[in-house]
Every structure is written in C-alpha cells, then in structure tokens.
C-alpha cells in the first residue's frame, strides 16, 4: 500500500511540474529603422542576444517589415515585462518600454529612428 501511495505521489508531482512549464508567445512592437536589420550586428543580432538574456526564452523572431519581435518563452521562467526590458537594453523600444538611452546611443546611425 505504501508503494502505491509513493507511486501516486510521484506521478502527481511529475504532472504538476509539467503544468508549470507552459510556453507562451508574445508579439512586441518596436521600431527597426534600417532595411537590412537581419544582417546588421546592431539590429538583428543585438535584439536576438539581448532578448535571449531573459531566462526561459525558446524562440525569437524579428519581423523588420512589421516592426515586431515575436518571442516564445516559458512562463515559469520569465514574464512579458522582463522580455520587454531585455529588448529595451538592446537600444530598441519594446511596446511601452522605451529604449535604454545608453544602448540606443551605441547603435549604428542606420539603426536609429529619424
């Protein structure tokens, strides 16, 4: 009987931990000024690496035509607000979170808003 209770407890814990590993995707509005951002070290690479500094990031997709960054993340590891802050630290706006001024100043001229 103790073995059955132990097994049931283990199964319940395993199922409970899987429920916490939920993955969501958010789309963040930004402002990508250059037309070559996916090849530009300051845009595509910088955005990708900055966002991935937040824990639990699964995928980052940049759409320069729509000025959006789509991020798939684990909800038990990070929040949309933390992702927006990470994006702002790359020098780009992230929805209502303004770009970090120091990071923005370091961007190439083609990457800055006119």
C-alpha atoms as a PDB file:
ATOM      1  CA  UNK A   1       0.000   0.000   0.000  1.00  0.00           C
ATOM      2  CA  UNK A   2       2.851   2.403   0.812  1.00  0.00           C
ATOM      3  CA  UNK A   3       4.370   1.713  -2.616  1.00  0.00           C
ATOM      4  CA  UNK A   4       1.113   2.627  -4.358  1.00  0.00           C
ATOM      5  CA  UNK A   5       0.861   5.887  -2.408  1.00  0.00           C
ATOM      6  CA  UNK A   6       4.505   6.620  -3.220  1.00  0.00           C
ATOM      7  CA  UNK A   7       3.958   5.986  -6.921  1.00  0.00           C
ATOM      8  CA  UNK A   8       0.813   8.119  -6.985  1.00  0.00           C
ATOM      9  CA  UNK A   9       2.652  10.930  -5.207  1.00  0.00           C
ATOM     10  CA  UNK A  10       5.483  10.758  -7.750  1.00  0.00           C
ATOM     11  CA  UNK A  11       3.032  10.842 -10.668  1.00  0.00           C
ATOM     12  CA  UNK A  12       1.200  13.820  -9.148  1.00  0.00           C
ATOM     13  CA  UNK A  13       4.460  15.723  -8.707  1.00  0.00           C
ATOM     14  CA  UNK A  14       5.573  14.926 -12.254  1.00  0.00           C
ATOM     15  CA  UNK A  15       2.273  16.092 -13.718  1.00  0.00           C
ATOM     16  CA  UNK A  16       2.331  19.219 -11.568  1.00  0.00           C
ATOM     17  CA  UNK A  17       5.806  20.191 -12.764  1.00  0.00           C
ATOM     18  CA  UNK A  18       4.779  19.735 -16.403  1.00  0.00           C
ATOM     19  CA  UNK A  19       1.851  22.083 -15.888  1.00  0.00           C
ATOM     20  CA  UNK A  20       4.270  24.795 -14.742  1.00  0.00           C
ATOM     21  CA  UNK A  21       6.351  24.507 -17.918  1.00  0.00           C
ATOM     22  CA  UNK A  22       3.839  26.394 -20.030  1.00  0.00           C
ATOM     23  CA  UNK A  23       5.091  28.113 -23.134  1.00  0.00           C
ATOM     24  CA  UNK A  24       3.557  31.303 -24.490  1.00  0.00           C
ATOM     25  CA  UNK A  25       4.318  33.628 -27.371  1.00  0.00           C
ATOM     26  CA  UNK A  26       4.092  37.405 -27.298  1.00  0.00           C
ATOM     27  CA  UNK A  27       4.493  39.935 -30.061  1.00  0.00           C
ATOM     28  CA  UNK A  28       6.293  43.122 -29.073  1.00  0.00           C
ATOM     29  CA  UNK A  29       6.039  46.282 -31.155  1.00  0.00           C
ATOM     30  CA  UNK A  30       9.376  48.001 -31.700  1.00  0.00           C
ATOM     31  CA  UNK A  31      10.947  50.398 -34.178  1.00  0.00           C
ATOM     32  CA  UNK A  32      13.530  48.947 -36.522  1.00  0.00           C
ATOM     33  CA  UNK A  33      14.833  51.770 -38.692  1.00  0.00           C
ATOM     34  CA  UNK A  34      17.223  50.025 -41.071  1.00  0.00           C
ATOM     35  CA  UNK A  35      16.203  47.926 -44.041  1.00  0.00           C
ATOM     36  CA  UNK A  36      18.953  45.367 -43.507  1.00  0.00           C
ATOM     37  CA  UNK A  37      18.484  44.570 -39.826  1.00  0.00           C
ATOM     38  CA  UNK A  38      18.732  40.825 -40.167  1.00  0.00           C
ATOM     39  CA  UNK A  39      22.306  41.270 -41.450  1.00  0.00           C
ATOM     40  CA  UNK A  40      23.173  44.194 -39.193  1.00  0.00           C
ATOM     41  CA  UNK A  41      25.064  43.472 -35.974  1.00  0.00           C
ATOM     42  CA  UNK A  42      23.273  46.279 -34.180  1.00  0.00           C
ATOM     43  CA  UNK A  43      19.755  45.227 -35.087  1.00  0.00           C
ATOM     44  CA  UNK A  44      19.036  41.564 -35.656  1.00  0.00           C
ATOM     45  CA  UNK A  45      21.934  40.102 -33.706  1.00  0.00           C
ATOM     46  CA  UNK A  46      21.697  42.651 -30.898  1.00  0.00           C
ATOM     47  CA  UNK A  47      17.941  42.186 -30.476  1.00  0.00           C
ATOM     48  CA  UNK A  48      18.228  38.395 -30.508  1.00  0.00           C
ATOM     49  CA  UNK A  49      21.064  38.201 -27.988  1.00  0.00           C
ATOM     50  CA  UNK A  50      19.537  40.797 -25.664  1.00  0.00           C
ATOM     51  CA  UNK A  51      16.153  39.085 -25.535  1.00  0.00           C
ATOM     52  CA  UNK A  52      17.744  35.690 -25.005  1.00  0.00           C
ATOM     53  CA  UNK A  53      19.385  37.004 -21.823  1.00  0.00           C
ATOM     54  CA  UNK A  54      15.986  36.674 -20.167  1.00  0.00           C
ATOM     55  CA  UNK A  55      15.536  33.184 -18.726  1.00  0.00           C
ATOM     56  CA  UNK A  56      13.274  30.683 -20.442  1.00  0.00           C
ATOM     57  CA  UNK A  57      13.406  32.137 -23.954  1.00  0.00           C
ATOM     58  CA  UNK A  58      12.649  29.460 -26.533  1.00  0.00           C
ATOM     59  CA  UNK A  59      12.499  31.416 -29.793  1.00  0.00           C
ATOM     60  CA  UNK A  60      12.974  34.973 -31.056  1.00  0.00           C
ATOM     61  CA  UNK A  61      11.648  36.028 -34.461  1.00  0.00           C
ATOM     62  CA  UNK A  62      12.242  39.541 -35.769  1.00  0.00           C
ATOM     63  CA  UNK A  63       9.965  40.980 -38.441  1.00  0.00           C
ATOM     64  CA  UNK A  64      11.522  44.248 -39.666  1.00  0.00           C
ATOM     65  CA  UNK A  65       8.649  44.947 -42.058  1.00  0.00           C
ATOM     66  CA  UNK A  66       6.060  44.849 -39.268  1.00  0.00           C
ATOM     67  CA  UNK A  67       8.470  46.276 -36.661  1.00  0.00           C
ATOM     68  CA  UNK A  68       7.744  43.407 -34.308  1.00  0.00           C
ATOM     69  CA  UNK A  69       9.659  40.868 -32.287  1.00  0.00           C
ATOM     70  CA  UNK A  70       7.835  37.626 -31.565  1.00  0.00           C
ATOM     71  CA  UNK A  71       9.154  35.814 -28.501  1.00  0.00           C
ATOM     72  CA  UNK A  72       8.254  32.326 -27.329  1.00  0.00           C
ATOM     73  CA  UNK A  73       9.086  31.804 -23.672  1.00  0.00           C
ATOM     74  CA  UNK A  74       8.434  29.651 -20.601  1.00  0.00           C
ATOM     75  CA  UNK A  75       6.002  31.346 -18.265  1.00  0.00           C
ATOM     76  CA  UNK A  76       7.628  29.775 -15.212  1.00  0.00           C
ATOM     77  CA  UNK A  77      10.988  31.378 -16.072  1.00  0.00           C
ATOM     78  CA  UNK A  78      10.197  34.914 -17.251  1.00  0.00           C
ATOM     79  CA  UNK A  79       7.447  37.446 -17.834  1.00  0.00           C
ATOM     80  CA  UNK A  80       6.488  39.657 -20.770  1.00  0.00           C
ATOM     81  CA  UNK A  81       7.701  42.683 -18.815  1.00  0.00           C
ATOM     82  CA  UNK A  82      11.152  41.141 -18.285  1.00  0.00           C
ATOM     83  CA  UNK A  83      11.331  40.380 -22.015  1.00  0.00           C
ATOM     84  CA  UNK A  84      10.398  43.977 -22.884  1.00  0.00           C
ATOM     85  CA  UNK A  85      13.097  45.282 -20.535  1.00  0.00           C
ATOM     86  CA  UNK A  86      15.673  42.946 -22.112  1.00  0.00           C
ATOM     87  CA  UNK A  87      14.694  44.204 -25.572  1.00  0.00           C
ATOM     88  CA  UNK A  88      14.944  47.833 -24.439  1.00  0.00           C
ATOM     89  CA  UNK A  89      18.503  47.156 -23.249  1.00  0.00           C
ATOM     90  CA  UNK A  90      19.432  46.427 -26.861  1.00  0.00           C
ATOM     91  CA  UNK A  91      18.586  50.027 -27.774  1.00  0.00           C
ATOM     92  CA  UNK A  92      15.095  49.483 -29.148  1.00  0.00           C
ATOM     93  CA  UNK A  93      11.639  50.361 -27.854  1.00  0.00           C
ATOM     94  CA  UNK A  94       9.553  47.441 -26.645  1.00  0.00           C
ATOM     95  CA  UNK A  95       5.845  48.309 -26.651  1.00  0.00           C
ATOM     96  CA  UNK A  96       5.560  50.990 -23.956  1.00  0.00           C
ATOM     97  CA  UNK A  97       9.092  50.416 -22.580  1.00  0.00           C
ATOM     98  CA  UNK A  98      11.432  52.988 -24.108  1.00  0.00           C
ATOM     99  CA  UNK A  99      14.870  52.032 -25.387  1.00  0.00           C
ATOM    100  CA  UNK A 100      17.727  52.313 -22.929  1.00  0.00           C
ATOM    101  CA  UNK A 101      19.359  55.669 -23.830  1.00  0.00           C
ATOM    102  CA  UNK A 102      22.931  54.372 -23.481  1.00  0.00           C
ATOM    103  CA  UNK A 103      22.234  51.326 -25.651  1.00  0.00           C
ATOM    104  CA  UNK A 104      20.432  53.488 -28.219  1.00  0.00           C
ATOM    105  CA  UNK A 105      23.405  55.863 -28.407  1.00  0.00           C
ATOM    106  CA  UNK A 106      25.676  52.928 -29.314  1.00  0.00           C
ATOM    107  CA  UNK A 107      23.578  51.822 -32.303  1.00  0.00           C
ATOM    108  CA  UNK A 108      24.813  52.473 -35.833  1.00  0.00           C
ATOM    109  CA  UNK A 109      23.257  55.530 -37.456  1.00  0.00           C
ATOM    110  CA  UNK A 110      21.190  53.398 -39.830  1.00  0.00           C
ATOM    111  CA  UNK A 111      19.568  51.680 -36.857  1.00  0.00           C
ATOM    112  CA  UNK A 112      18.319  54.857 -35.221  1.00  0.00           C
ATOM    113  CA  UNK A 113      14.914  56.424 -35.782  1.00  0.00           C
ATOM    114  CA  UNK A 114      14.949  59.574 -37.903  1.00  0.00           C
END
